[in-house]
Amino acid sequence: MENTYTLTLKNDYLFKLLLGSEENKACLQDFLECVLDMPAGMITDLELLDKELSKDEITDKTGILDVKLRLKDGTTIDIEIQNSWSTEFIPRTLFYWAKMYIEGFKEGEPYTSLTRCIAINLISQGFKLNSEVHSAYRILEQQTYQQLTDLLEIHFLNLAAVKGVDIRQ
């Protein structure tokens, strides 16, 4: 009798193999261009980084990311897969983003040397914020919706909302 397995990107191992390995950088580039709405070929160089976020003190909380990378322009990106939504997810996303944002920032450096950080979260089920397939968040002024900065960007991909979507649209 033959055992068969159904593997999807919801499998942590497969997710990290497909989007977090040197061998599959082309796939990662295509994924990022799609999610970040960039023209094909726009991302020409990226560097996969150590997935463990640095700690300043021994008592600091450790953060271990699924996929962490840096683009040629200095933008740092965290890509996370989560099988189900929880109330911890937004605070954890902001924690990971904040740690990435200040990582490597040294005393005496100008604040203008801090670079853009993007968090991309794939949620398999139970996404609670809306029914959209792709939601992108930035800091905006509440009355005019003017963007304050492009340094913070958080994306959620609601995988459950993809079911039944005509991909030819």
C-alpha atoms as a PDB file:
ATOM      1  CA  MET A   1       0.000   0.000   0.000  1.00  0.00           C
ATOM      2  CA  GLU A   2       1.333   3.408  -0.989  1.00  0.00           C
ATOM      3  CA  ASN A   3       1.168   6.419   1.329  1.00  0.00           C
ATOM      4  CA  THR A   4       0.355   9.727  -0.311  1.00  0.00           C
ATOM      5  CA  TYR A   5       0.617  13.161   1.209  1.00  0.00           C
ATOM      6  CA  THR A   6      -0.908  16.436   0.181  1.00  0.00           C
ATOM      7  CA  LEU A   7       1.562  19.250   0.664  1.00  0.00           C
ATOM      8  CA  THR A   8       0.682  22.925   0.487  1.00  0.00           C
ATOM      9  CA  LEU A   9       2.448  26.139   1.436  1.00  0.00           C
ATOM     10  CA  LYS A  10       0.709  25.809   4.812  1.00  0.00           C
ATOM     11  CA  ASN A  11       3.340  23.178   5.592  1.00  0.00           C
ATOM     12  CA  ASP A  12       6.094  25.075   7.431  1.00  0.00           C
ATOM     13  CA  TYR A  13       8.923  23.026   5.905  1.00  0.00           C
ATOM     14  CA  LEU A  14       7.662  23.443   2.339  1.00  0.00           C
ATOM     15  CA  PHE A  15       6.952  27.153   2.893  1.00  0.00           C
ATOM     16  CA  LYS A  16      10.521  27.800   4.071  1.00  0.00           C
ATOM     17  CA  LEU A  17      11.973  25.637   1.290  1.00  0.00           C
ATOM     18  CA  LEU A  18      10.024  27.454  -1.418  1.00  0.00           C
ATOM     19  CA  LEU A  19      10.358  31.041  -0.163  1.00  0.00           C
ATOM     20  CA  GLY A  20      13.362  30.928   2.151  1.00  0.00           C
ATOM     21  CA  SER A  21      16.109  29.041   0.357  1.00  0.00           C
ATOM     22  CA  GLU A  22      18.922  30.156  -1.935  1.00  0.00           C
ATOM     23  CA  GLU A  23      17.811  27.629  -4.573  1.00  0.00           C
ATOM     24  CA  ASN A  24      14.380  29.239  -4.887  1.00  0.00           C
ATOM     25  CA  LYS A  25      15.258  32.948  -4.920  1.00  0.00           C
ATOM     26  CA  ALA A  26      13.521  33.392  -8.288  1.00  0.00           C
ATOM     27  CA  CYS A  27      10.270  32.117  -6.779  1.00  0.00           C
ATOM     28  CA  LEU A  28      10.717  34.460  -3.802  1.00  0.00           C
ATOM     29  CA  GLN A  29      11.356  37.400  -6.143  1.00  0.00           C
ATOM     30  CA  ASP A  30       8.175  36.636  -8.110  1.00  0.00           C
ATOM     31  CA  PHE A  31       6.175  36.309  -4.874  1.00  0.00           C
ATOM     32  CA  LEU A  32       7.451  39.664  -3.568  1.00  0.00           C
ATOM     33  CA  GLU A  33       6.813  41.481  -6.852  1.00  0.00           C
ATOM     34  CA  CYS A  34       3.256  40.160  -6.832  1.00  0.00           C
ATOM     35  CA  VAL A  35       2.481  40.988  -3.178  1.00  0.00           C
ATOM     36  CA  LEU A  36       4.223  44.378  -3.247  1.00  0.00           C
ATOM     37  CA  ASP A  37       2.686  45.255  -6.642  1.00  0.00           C
ATOM     38  CA  MET A  38       6.019  45.781  -8.384  1.00  0.00           C
ATOM     39  CA  PRO A  39       6.680  45.303 -12.091  1.00  0.00           C
ATOM     40  CA  ALA A  40       8.196  41.941 -13.052  1.00  0.00           C
ATOM     41  CA  GLY A  41      11.969  42.045 -12.843  1.00  0.00           C
ATOM     42  CA  MET A  42      11.981  44.996 -10.427  1.00  0.00           C
ATOM     43  CA  ILE A  43      13.594  42.952  -7.655  1.00  0.00           C
ATOM     44  CA  THR A  44      16.980  42.082  -9.083  1.00  0.00           C
ATOM     45  CA  ASP A  45      18.900  41.239  -5.945  1.00  0.00           C
ATOM     46  CA  LEU A  46      17.946  40.027  -2.504  1.00  0.00           C
ATOM     47  CA  GLU A  47      19.828  38.571   0.433  1.00  0.00           C
ATOM     48  CA  LEU A  48      18.391  35.938   2.756  1.00  0.00           C
ATOM     49  CA  LEU A  49      19.199  36.839   6.366  1.00  0.00           C
ATOM     50  CA  ASP A  50      19.510  35.098   9.723  1.00  0.00           C
ATOM     51  CA  LYS A  51      15.947  34.473  10.899  1.00  0.00           C
ATOM     52  CA  GLU A  52      16.629  35.063  14.589  1.00  0.00           C
ATOM     53  CA  LEU A  53      16.050  38.650  15.701  1.00  0.00           C
ATOM     54  CA  SER A  54      18.848  40.084  17.812  1.00  0.00           C
ATOM     55  CA  LYS A  55      18.442  40.618  21.551  1.00  0.00           C
ATOM     56  CA  ASP A  56      19.861  43.550  23.507  1.00  0.00           C
ATOM     57  CA  GLU A  57      19.624  41.802  26.867  1.00  0.00           C
ATOM     58  CA  ILE A  58      19.481  38.171  27.949  1.00  0.00           C
ATOM     59  CA  THR A  59      15.935  38.678  29.268  1.00  0.00           C
ATOM     60  CA  ASP A  60      14.639  40.096  25.961  1.00  0.00           C
ATOM     61  CA  LYS A  61      12.106  38.016  24.071  1.00  0.00           C
ATOM     62  CA  THR A  62      13.533  36.082  21.132  1.00  0.00           C
ATOM     63  CA  GLY A  63      11.868  36.327  17.756  1.00  0.00           C
ATOM     64  CA  ILE A  64      12.466  33.663  15.121  1.00  0.00           C
ATOM     65  CA  LEU A  65      11.083  34.561  11.714  1.00  0.00           C
ATOM     66  CA  ASP A  66      10.004  32.158   8.973  1.00  0.00           C
ATOM     67  CA  VAL A  67      11.760  34.045   6.154  1.00  0.00           C
ATOM     68  CA  LYS A  68      13.829  37.217   6.529  1.00  0.00           C
ATOM     69  CA  LEU A  69      15.517  39.012   3.667  1.00  0.00           C
ATOM     70  CA  ARG A  70      16.982  42.308   2.540  1.00  0.00           C
ATOM     71  CA  LEU A  71      16.482  43.916  -0.847  1.00  0.00           C
ATOM     72  CA  LYS A  72      19.205  45.781  -2.723  1.00  0.00           C
ATOM     73  CA  ASP A  73      17.744  49.147  -1.588  1.00  0.00           C
ATOM     74  CA  GLY A  74      18.100  48.122   2.092  1.00  0.00           C
ATOM     75  CA  THR A  75      14.436  47.227   2.674  1.00  0.00           C
ATOM     76  CA  THR A  76      14.112  44.379   5.180  1.00  0.00           C
ATOM     77  CA  ILE A  77      11.208  41.951   4.767  1.00  0.00           C
ATOM     78  CA  ASP A  78       9.743  39.339   7.104  1.00  0.00           C
ATOM     79  CA  ILE A  79       7.450  36.674   5.619  1.00  0.00           C
ATOM     80  CA  GLU A  80       5.380  34.599   8.050  1.00  0.00           C
ATOM     81  CA  ILE A  81       2.945  31.724   7.570  1.00  0.00           C
ATOM     82  CA  GLN A  82       0.286  31.159  10.224  1.00  0.00           C
ATOM     83  CA  ASN A  83      -2.179  28.274  10.104  1.00  0.00           C
ATOM     84  CA  SER A  84      -4.813  30.036  12.189  1.00  0.00           C
ATOM     85  CA  TRP A  85      -5.494  33.563  13.391  1.00  0.00           C
ATOM     86  CA  SER A  86      -5.128  34.485  17.054  1.00  0.00           C
ATOM     87  CA  THR A  87      -5.399  37.701  19.067  1.00  0.00           C
ATOM     88  CA  GLU A  88      -1.611  37.530  19.542  1.00  0.00           C
ATOM     89  CA  PHE A  89      -0.918  37.861  15.836  1.00  0.00           C
ATOM     90  CA  ILE A  90      -1.063  41.654  15.368  1.00  0.00           C
ATOM     91  CA  PRO A  91       1.036  42.442  18.481  1.00  0.00           C
ATOM     92  CA  ARG A  92       3.542  39.762  17.410  1.00  0.00           C
ATOM     93  CA  THR A  93       3.704  41.193  13.884  1.00  0.00           C
ATOM     94  CA  LEU A  94       4.399  44.676  15.293  1.00  0.00           C
ATOM     95  CA  PHE A  95       7.017  43.246  17.683  1.00  0.00           C
ATOM     96  CA  TYR A  96       8.826  41.486  14.822  1.00  0.00           C
ATOM     97  CA  TRP A  97       8.569  44.609  12.645  1.00  0.00           C
ATOM     98  CA  ALA A  98       9.926  46.892  15.416  1.00  0.00           C
ATOM     99  CA  LYS A  99      12.862  44.574  16.138  1.00  0.00           C
ATOM    100  CA  MET A 100      13.739  44.422  12.430  1.00  0.00           C
ATOM    101  CA  TYR A 101      13.442  48.208  12.115  1.00  0.00           C
ATOM    102  CA  ILE A 102      16.037  48.964  14.804  1.00  0.00           C
ATOM    103  CA  GLU A 103      18.257  45.920  14.274  1.00  0.00           C
ATOM    104  CA  GLY A 104      21.834  47.052  13.749  1.00  0.00           C
ATOM    105  CA  PHE A 105      21.046  50.708  14.521  1.00  0.00           C
ATOM    106  CA  LYS A 106      24.017  52.102  16.446  1.00  0.00           C
ATOM    107  CA  GLU A 107      24.572  55.012  18.800  1.00  0.00           C
ATOM    108  CA  GLY A 108      25.462  58.185  16.920  1.00  0.00           C
ATOM    109  CA  GLU A 109      23.823  57.128  13.651  1.00  0.00           C
ATOM    110  CA  PRO A 110      21.226  59.513  12.211  1.00  0.00           C
ATOM    111  CA  TYR A 111      17.607  58.352  12.394  1.00  0.00           C
ATOM    112  CA  THR A 112      17.412  58.902   8.646  1.00  0.00           C
ATOM    113  CA  SER A 113      19.662  55.850   8.220  1.00  0.00           C
ATOM    114  CA  LEU A 114      16.819  53.587   9.403  1.00  0.00           C
ATOM    115  CA  THR A 115      15.416  51.685   6.435  1.00  0.00           C
ATOM    116  CA  ARG A 116      12.016  50.484   5.304  1.00  0.00           C
ATOM    117  CA  CYS A 117      10.702  47.274   6.852  1.00  0.00           C
ATOM    118  CA  ILE A 118       7.844  45.194   5.488  1.00  0.00           C
ATOM    119  CA  ALA A 119       5.974  42.339   7.158  1.00  0.00           C
ATOM    120  CA  ILE A 120       4.072  39.893   4.944  1.00  0.00           C
ATOM    121  CA  ASN A 121       1.770  37.478   6.766  1.00  0.00           C
ATOM    122  CA  LEU A 122       0.024  34.532   5.132  1.00  0.00           C
ATOM    123  CA  ILE A 123      -2.950  33.408   7.238  1.00  0.00           C
ATOM    124  CA  SER A 124      -4.464  30.018   6.448  1.00  0.00           C
ATOM    125  CA  GLN A 125      -7.763  30.352   8.309  1.00  0.00           C
ATOM    126  CA  GLY A 126      -9.678  32.546  10.733  1.00  0.00           C
ATOM    127  CA  PHE A 127      -8.431  35.931   9.471  1.00  0.00           C
ATOM    128  CA  LYS A 128     -10.540  38.461  11.396  1.00  0.00           C
ATOM    129  CA  LEU A 129      -9.759  41.896   9.966  1.00  0.00           C
ATOM    130  CA  ASN A 130     -11.762  41.742   6.717  1.00  0.00           C
ATOM    131  CA  SER A 131     -12.761  39.411   3.885  1.00  0.00           C
ATOM    132  CA  GLU A 132     -10.164  40.608   1.362  1.00  0.00           C
ATOM    133  CA  VAL A 133      -7.546  38.248  -0.073  1.00  0.00           C
ATOM    134  CA  HIS A 134      -4.797  40.873   0.314  1.00  0.00           C
ATOM    135  CA  SER A 135      -4.792  43.690   2.873  1.00  0.00           C
ATOM    136  CA  ALA A 136      -1.939  46.217   3.042  1.00  0.00           C
ATOM    137  CA  TYR A 137      -1.498  48.607   5.974  1.00  0.00           C
ATOM    138  CA  ARG A 138       0.565  51.788   6.305  1.00  0.00           C
ATOM    139  CA  ILE A 139       0.554  54.811   8.618  1.00  0.00           C
ATOM    140  CA  LEU A 140      -1.940  57.389   7.309  1.00  0.00           C
ATOM    141  CA  GLU A 141      -3.296  60.707   8.575  1.00  0.00           C
ATOM    142  CA  GLN A 142      -6.867  60.025   9.750  1.00  0.00           C
ATOM    143  CA  GLN A 143      -8.619  62.913   7.962  1.00  0.00           C
ATOM    144  CA  THR A 144      -6.712  63.243   4.692  1.00  0.00           C
ATOM    145  CA  TYR A 145      -5.330  59.691   4.434  1.00  0.00           C
ATOM    146  CA  GLN A 146      -1.950  61.208   3.588  1.00  0.00           C
ATOM    147  CA  GLN A 147       0.810  58.661   4.105  1.00  0.00           C
ATOM    148  CA  LEU A 148       3.223  59.661   6.879  1.00  0.00           C
ATOM    149  CA  THR A 149       6.075  57.407   5.747  1.00  0.00           C
ATOM    150  CA  ASP A 150       6.775  54.325   3.676  1.00  0.00           C
ATOM    151  CA  LEU A 151       9.076  52.879   6.365  1.00  0.00           C
ATOM    152  CA  LEU A 152       6.262  50.723   7.832  1.00  0.00           C
ATOM    153  CA  GLU A 153       4.224  48.353   5.689  1.00  0.00           C
ATOM    154  CA  ILE A 154       2.293  45.287   6.851  1.00  0.00           C
ATOM    155  CA  HIS A 155       0.526  42.873   4.501  1.00  0.00           C
ATOM    156  CA  PHE A 156      -1.939  40.095   5.281  1.00  0.00           C
ATOM    157  CA  LEU A 157      -2.754  37.411   2.714  1.00  0.00           C
ATOM    158  CA  ASN A 158      -6.003  35.707   3.706  1.00  0.00           C
ATOM    159  CA  LEU A 159      -5.573  32.258   2.162  1.00  0.00           C
ATOM    160  CA  ALA A 160      -9.117  31.155   3.098  1.00  0.00           C
ATOM    161  CA  ALA A 161     -10.519  33.997   0.950  1.00  0.00           C
ATOM    162  CA  VAL A 162      -8.721  32.624  -2.115  1.00  0.00           C
ATOM    163  CA  LYS A 163     -11.038  29.622  -2.331  1.00  0.00           C
ATOM    164  CA  GLY A 164     -13.505  30.229  -5.125  1.00  0.00           C
ATOM    165  CA  VAL A 165     -11.713  33.308  -6.508  1.00  0.00           C
ATOM    166  CA  ASP A 166     -11.386  33.356 -10.282  1.00  0.00           C
ATOM    167  CA  ILE A 167      -7.640  33.871 -10.760  1.00  0.00           C
ATOM    168  CA  ARG A 168      -8.168  35.099 -14.321  1.00  0.00           C
ATOM    169  CA  GLN A 169      -9.576  38.409 -12.979  1.00  0.00           C
END
